[in-house]
Amino acid sequence: MLPDDWHLTQDIDGFLDRVGDFLRSRPALHTTPLTDLEKLRMRRTAEHDTETAVFGRLESGGEVRAICYLTPRGRLGLTPLSARQTDTLAARLAGLGHAPSNVIADRDTAGAFAESWQRHTRAAPVPFWRTHLYRLGTLTPPQPHPEGRGRITGGADREQVVRWCREFCVDVGEQSSIDLIDAGSWDDSRFGDRHFTFWETPEGAPVSMAAATSIVGGMVRVDPVYTPAHLRGRGYAGAVTVEVSRTALAAGATDVVLFTDPANPTSNALYQRIGYVHTADFAGYRFSHGAPTAGQGR
């Protein structure tokens, strides 16, 4: 086998059998691949079948060193890679006619792939996402603690959950997520597999919301956390985040993580106060192009 040889497949079950231990070896850093691949596995017979998804593993010395996956909607996910490795992958994908619409990975890998992809396809990358990854250390409830309690949502709460998710997307500029919700594709949105919790006042009025993924590889990701603008600054977001984090730990999660906006010092400070520790930085780039032309990527 040649160095940096990527093995590509459309068989998600066989792929996960081979790379599962690698993904579980660093569950916090691999939070997005773990949840994305689980969703693709669960939905392989649904409308967006994984026949149109591509999965790749990079091996050396019989060990998996990295993975990639290209979703049916064109998002390329990567685990950490060197610049040389991203160049090999970009050449391979372009040579096979694959054209990712965007890439999301740790900051260095995303930047390196964006440069590699531009070199092989002439598609100019445009940064659209940057974030901090935090991992829970010692959970510390906020002080003072707001009055009220956490409550797991039910079917009767669906309308409010959807409305607050839409408002959250407006706040963070996620138009694509709003479009999916508007199209009635809740299950296809990034919120469709979440478990939601409200923070309620003593009178039973919901004032904040947080959600979490199911446990995958020992990891749970808290996402999203949302409080309506007129209710912020009262400790509700911290309280509901502690609630879902405690629930994740009680369910057996070994790694509880969340992403934060680097431009929002208030939320970053909040999560640090309740026990989350900055672990890594991630980034995303969009590409504008048609299919790679003949000879590109060689």
Protein backbone atom coordinates (compact mmCIF):
# COMPACT_ATOMS: atom_id res chain seq x y z
CA MET A 1 0.00 0.00 0.00
CA LEU A 2 1.32 3.43 -0.94
CA PRO A 3 1.80 6.06 1.79
CA ASP A 4 -1.27 8.25 2.32
CA ASP A 5 -3.43 5.90 0.28
CA TRP A 6 -7.11 6.61 0.81
CA HIS A 7 -9.56 3.71 0.72
CA LEU A 8 -12.99 4.96 -0.41
CA THR A 9 -16.29 3.12 -0.13
CA GLN A 10 -20.05 3.63 -0.09
CA ASP A 11 -20.59 0.79 2.39
CA ILE A 12 -21.17 2.62 5.65
CA ASP A 13 -21.53 -0.52 7.76
CA GLY A 14 -18.21 -1.97 6.61
CA PHE A 15 -16.60 1.44 6.97
CA LEU A 16 -17.78 1.86 10.57
CA ASP A 17 -16.63 -1.65 11.43
CA ARG A 18 -13.12 -0.67 10.32
CA VAL A 19 -12.90 2.87 11.74
CA GLY A 20 -15.06 2.62 14.87
CA ASP A 21 -12.17 2.14 17.29
CA PHE A 22 -10.31 5.06 15.75
CA LEU A 23 -13.30 7.40 16.14
CA ARG A 24 -13.92 6.27 19.72
CA SER A 25 -10.26 6.79 20.64
CA ARG A 26 -10.78 10.59 20.72
CA PRO A 27 -14.55 11.07 21.10
CA ALA A 28 -14.41 14.79 21.93
CA LEU A 29 -12.25 15.72 18.93
CA HIS A 30 -14.30 13.38 16.71
CA THR A 31 -17.67 14.67 17.90
CA THR A 32 -18.96 15.73 14.47
CA PRO A 33 -17.91 12.57 12.56
CA LEU A 34 -19.40 10.39 15.30
CA THR A 35 -22.81 12.06 15.12
CA ASP A 36 -22.85 12.59 11.35
CA LEU A 37 -21.95 8.99 10.59
CA GLU A 38 -24.46 7.65 13.06
CA LYS A 39 -27.19 9.74 11.43
CA LEU A 40 -26.17 8.50 7.98
CA ARG A 41 -26.16 4.91 9.24
CA MET A 42 -29.63 5.27 10.73
CA ARG A 43 -31.00 6.87 7.58
CA ARG A 44 -29.32 4.68 4.96
CA THR A 45 -32.69 3.50 3.60
CA ALA A 46 -34.36 6.93 3.79
CA GLU A 47 -34.69 9.57 1.09
CA HIS A 48 -31.02 10.60 1.21
CA ASP A 49 -29.58 7.11 1.02
CA THR A 50 -25.90 6.59 1.79
CA GLU A 51 -25.48 5.19 -1.74
CA THR A 52 -24.77 8.82 -2.62
CA ALA A 53 -22.40 9.30 0.33
CA VAL A 54 -18.69 8.50 0.20
CA PHE A 55 -16.58 7.30 3.13
CA GLY A 56 -12.81 7.15 3.24
CA ARG A 57 -10.11 5.93 5.59
CA LEU A 58 -6.39 6.62 5.59
CA GLU A 59 -4.30 3.70 6.85
CA SER A 60 -0.65 3.28 7.71
CA GLY A 61 0.99 0.22 9.24
CA GLY A 62 -2.37 -1.50 9.45
CA GLU A 63 -3.82 1.30 11.59
CA VAL A 64 -6.49 3.84 10.70
CA ARG A 65 -4.91 7.29 10.89
CA ALA A 66 -7.72 9.50 9.62
CA ILE A 67 -11.13 9.42 7.95
CA CYS A 68 -13.20 11.52 5.58
CA TYR A 69 -16.85 11.41 4.56
CA LEU A 70 -18.81 13.26 1.90
CA THR A 71 -22.51 13.54 2.74
CA PRO A 72 -25.35 13.42 0.19
CA ARG A 73 -25.62 17.22 0.45
CA GLY A 74 -21.95 17.70 -0.31
CA ARG A 75 -20.46 18.40 3.10
CA LEU A 76 -16.98 16.97 3.56
CA GLY A 77 -16.05 16.00 7.10
CA LEU A 78 -12.45 15.30 8.06
CA THR A 79 -10.47 14.20 11.09
CA PRO A 80 -7.07 15.91 11.60
CA LEU A 81 -4.74 15.72 8.59
CA SER A 82 -1.41 17.20 7.57
CA ALA A 83 -1.19 19.54 4.57
CA ARG A 84 0.38 16.71 2.53
CA GLN A 85 -2.46 14.38 3.43
CA THR A 86 -5.14 16.91 2.49
CA ASP A 87 -3.42 17.39 -0.86
CA THR A 88 -3.49 13.65 -1.55
CA LEU A 89 -7.17 13.51 -0.60
CA ALA A 90 -8.11 16.54 -2.70
CA ALA A 91 -6.39 15.03 -5.71
CA ARG A 92 -8.19 11.72 -5.20
CA LEU A 93 -11.64 13.29 -4.80
CA ALA A 94 -11.19 15.63 -7.75
CA GLY A 95 -9.89 12.81 -9.92
CA LEU A 96 -13.02 10.76 -9.16
CA GLY A 97 -15.32 13.69 -9.98
CA HIS A 98 -16.47 14.42 -6.43
CA ALA A 99 -17.17 18.08 -5.70
CA PRO A 100 -17.79 18.90 -2.02
CA SER A 101 -19.82 22.04 -1.45
CA ASN A 102 -18.04 22.71 1.84
CA VAL A 103 -15.59 21.26 4.33
CA ILE A 104 -15.72 21.24 8.13
CA ALA A 105 -12.82 20.10 10.30
CA ASP A 106 -10.41 21.29 12.93
CA ARG A 107 -9.09 24.71 11.96
CA ASP A 108 -5.71 23.62 10.58
CA THR A 109 -7.12 20.70 8.59
CA ALA A 110 -10.00 22.73 7.16
CA GLY A 111 -7.62 25.47 6.06
CA ALA A 112 -5.17 23.01 4.55
CA PHE A 113 -7.88 21.18 2.60
CA ALA A 114 -9.36 24.47 1.36
CA GLU A 115 -5.96 25.38 -0.10
CA SER A 116 -5.49 21.89 -1.57
CA TRP A 117 -8.94 21.89 -3.15
CA GLN A 118 -8.38 25.30 -4.72
CA ARG A 119 -5.05 24.11 -6.11
CA HIS A 120 -6.62 21.03 -7.72
CA THR A 121 -9.94 22.51 -8.89
CA ARG A 122 -9.48 26.31 -8.94
CA ALA A 123 -12.54 26.59 -6.67
CA ALA A 124 -12.07 29.55 -4.33
CA PRO A 125 -12.82 28.69 -0.68
CA VAL A 126 -14.93 31.10 1.37
CA PRO A 127 -14.79 30.81 5.18
CA PHE A 128 -18.26 30.58 6.70
CA TRP A 129 -17.84 29.00 10.14
CA ARG A 130 -15.39 29.13 13.01
CA THR A 131 -15.92 27.82 16.49
CA HIS A 132 -14.33 26.74 19.74
CA LEU A 133 -14.80 23.16 20.95
CA TYR A 134 -15.25 22.78 24.71
CA ARG A 135 -15.18 19.54 26.70
CA LEU A 136 -16.78 19.18 30.12
CA GLY A 137 -14.36 18.83 33.04
CA THR A 138 -15.97 19.12 36.47
CA LEU A 139 -19.61 20.17 36.19
CA THR A 140 -20.20 23.24 38.38
CA PRO A 141 -23.77 24.57 38.68
CA PRO A 142 -23.97 28.36 38.30
CA GLN A 143 -24.21 30.62 41.30
CA PRO A 144 -26.59 32.22 41.95
CA HIS A 145 -28.85 29.50 40.62
CA PRO A 146 -32.03 30.78 38.94
CA GLU A 147 -35.36 29.64 40.27
CA GLY A 148 -37.14 26.95 38.32
CA ARG A 149 -36.37 23.50 37.02
CA GLY A 150 -35.39 21.57 33.91
CA ARG A 151 -38.03 19.58 32.02
CA ILE A 152 -37.54 17.17 29.14
CA THR A 153 -39.78 18.25 26.26
CA GLY A 154 -42.60 16.17 24.83
CA GLY A 155 -44.82 16.14 21.77
CA ALA A 156 -46.89 19.05 23.01
CA ASP A 157 -43.74 21.20 23.03
CA ARG A 158 -42.85 20.59 19.37
CA GLU A 159 -44.13 23.92 18.06
CA GLN A 160 -42.13 25.92 20.59
CA VAL A 161 -39.00 23.81 20.07
CA VAL A 162 -39.20 24.40 16.31
CA ARG A 163 -39.83 28.12 16.78
CA TRP A 164 -36.87 28.50 19.13
CA CYS A 165 -34.62 26.48 16.80
CA ARG A 166 -35.55 28.86 13.99
CA GLU A 167 -34.77 31.86 16.21
CA PHE A 168 -31.45 30.25 17.16
CA CYS A 169 -30.58 29.80 13.47
CA VAL A 170 -31.35 33.48 12.81
CA ASP A 171 -29.07 34.47 15.69
CA VAL A 172 -26.12 32.41 14.42
CA GLY A 173 -26.74 32.92 10.69
CA GLU A 174 -27.62 29.33 9.75
CA GLN A 175 -29.94 29.96 6.82
CA SER A 176 -29.60 26.40 5.50
CA SER A 177 -31.03 24.99 8.74
CA ILE A 178 -33.97 27.40 8.55
CA ASP A 179 -34.63 26.35 4.96
CA LEU A 180 -34.82 22.68 5.97
CA ILE A 181 -37.24 23.44 8.79
CA ASP A 182 -39.38 25.58 6.45
CA ALA A 183 -39.48 22.71 3.97
CA GLY A 184 -40.93 20.47 6.65
CA SER A 185 -37.70 18.48 6.85
CA TRP A 186 -37.22 18.55 10.61
CA ASP A 187 -35.70 15.07 10.64
CA ASP A 188 -33.17 16.10 7.98
CA SER A 189 -32.10 19.19 9.89
CA ARG A 190 -29.33 19.05 12.44
CA PHE A 191 -31.97 19.27 15.17
CA GLY A 192 -33.92 16.18 14.14
CA ASP A 193 -31.91 13.74 16.26
CA ARG A 194 -31.66 15.94 19.37
CA HIS A 195 -33.18 15.49 22.82
CA PHE A 196 -34.51 18.84 24.07
CA THR A 197 -34.87 20.20 27.59
CA PHE A 198 -36.61 23.40 28.73
CA TRP A 199 -35.71 25.48 31.74
CA GLU A 200 -39.00 26.56 33.31
CA THR A 201 -39.85 29.18 35.88
CA PRO A 202 -41.58 28.05 39.10
CA GLU A 203 -44.84 28.96 37.32
CA GLY A 204 -44.05 26.50 34.51
CA ALA A 205 -43.16 29.00 31.77
CA PRO A 206 -40.32 27.86 29.45
CA VAL A 207 -37.55 30.50 29.41
CA SER A 208 -34.56 28.67 27.88
CA MET A 209 -33.77 25.54 25.91
CA ALA A 210 -30.87 23.16 25.40
CA ALA A 211 -30.55 19.94 23.47
CA ALA A 212 -28.11 17.06 23.28
CA THR A 213 -27.27 14.24 20.91
CA SER A 214 -27.63 10.61 21.85
CA ILE A 215 -24.50 8.92 23.20
CA VAL A 216 -22.21 7.82 20.35
CA GLY A 217 -18.82 6.37 21.18
CA GLY A 218 -19.21 7.61 24.75
CA MET A 219 -19.71 11.19 23.51
CA VAL A 220 -22.66 13.57 23.84
CA ARG A 221 -22.73 17.02 22.23
CA VAL A 222 -24.84 19.79 23.70
CA ASP A 223 -26.41 21.70 20.79
CA PRO A 224 -28.17 24.07 20.54
CA VAL A 225 -28.50 26.27 23.64
CA TYR A 226 -30.99 29.11 23.20
CA THR A 227 -32.62 31.77 25.34
CA PRO A 228 -34.92 34.41 23.79
CA ALA A 229 -33.24 37.82 23.76
CA HIS A 230 -35.61 39.43 26.28
CA LEU A 231 -34.91 36.67 28.84
CA ARG A 232 -31.11 36.67 28.66
CA GLY A 233 -28.80 37.64 31.51
CA ARG A 234 -30.80 35.82 34.19
CA GLY A 235 -28.81 32.57 34.37
CA TYR A 236 -31.29 30.44 32.45
CA ALA A 237 -28.83 29.31 29.75
CA GLY A 238 -26.31 28.15 32.34
CA ALA A 239 -28.96 26.32 34.32
CA VAL A 240 -30.39 24.43 31.34
CA THR A 241 -26.89 23.58 30.05
CA VAL A 242 -26.02 22.12 33.45
CA GLU A 243 -29.27 20.14 33.35
CA VAL A 244 -28.58 18.47 29.99
CA SER A 245 -24.90 17.96 30.87
CA ARG A 246 -25.83 16.23 34.12
CA THR A 247 -28.33 14.05 32.25
CA ALA A 248 -25.63 13.05 29.75
CA LEU A 249 -23.22 12.07 32.52
CA ALA A 250 -25.93 10.09 34.30
CA ALA A 251 -26.62 8.22 31.06
CA GLY A 252 -22.97 7.12 30.91
CA ALA A 253 -21.32 9.69 28.64
CA THR A 254 -17.55 9.92 29.10
CA ASP A 255 -17.16 13.06 26.97
CA VAL A 256 -19.69 15.90 26.96
CA VAL A 257 -18.82 18.65 24.49
CA LEU A 258 -20.22 21.77 22.90
CA PHE A 259 -19.27 24.33 20.27
CA THR A 260 -19.20 28.07 20.94
CA ASP A 261 -18.92 31.20 18.84
CA PRO A 262 -15.45 32.73 19.40
CA ALA A 263 -16.99 36.17 18.86
CA ASN A 264 -19.35 35.73 21.82
CA PRO A 265 -17.29 36.24 25.00
CA THR A 266 -20.42 36.01 27.18
CA SER A 267 -21.26 32.43 26.20
CA ASN A 268 -17.61 31.36 26.29
CA ALA A 269 -17.24 32.70 29.82
CA LEU A 270 -20.50 31.05 30.87
CA TYR A 271 -19.46 27.59 29.73
CA GLN A 272 -16.09 27.91 31.41
CA ARG A 273 -17.78 28.86 34.69
CA ILE A 274 -19.87 25.70 34.67
CA GLY A 275 -16.89 23.44 33.95
CA TYR A 276 -16.26 23.34 30.21
CA VAL A 277 -12.64 23.56 29.00
CA HIS A 278 -11.48 24.85 25.61
CA THR A 279 -10.15 21.85 23.66
CA ALA A 280 -9.76 22.79 19.99
CA ASP A 281 -10.79 25.21 17.24
CA PHE A 282 -12.82 24.25 14.17
CA ALA A 283 -13.58 25.97 10.88
CA GLY A 284 -15.66 25.58 7.73
CA TYR A 285 -15.13 26.68 4.11
CA ARG A 286 -17.60 26.77 1.22
CA PHE A 287 -16.59 26.07 -2.38
CA SER A 288 -18.17 27.53 -5.49
CA HIS A 289 -17.61 25.38 -8.56
CA GLY A 290 -19.02 22.85 -10.95
CA ALA A 291 -17.70 19.34 -11.28
CA PRO A 292 -13.90 19.07 -11.54
CA THR A 293 -12.70 19.22 -15.14
CA ALA A 294 -10.70 16.48 -16.83
CA GLY A 295 -7.14 16.33 -15.69
CA GLN A 296 -7.67 18.22 -12.45
CA GLY A 297 -6.37 16.51 -9.38
CA ARG A 298 -3.61 14.66 -11.23
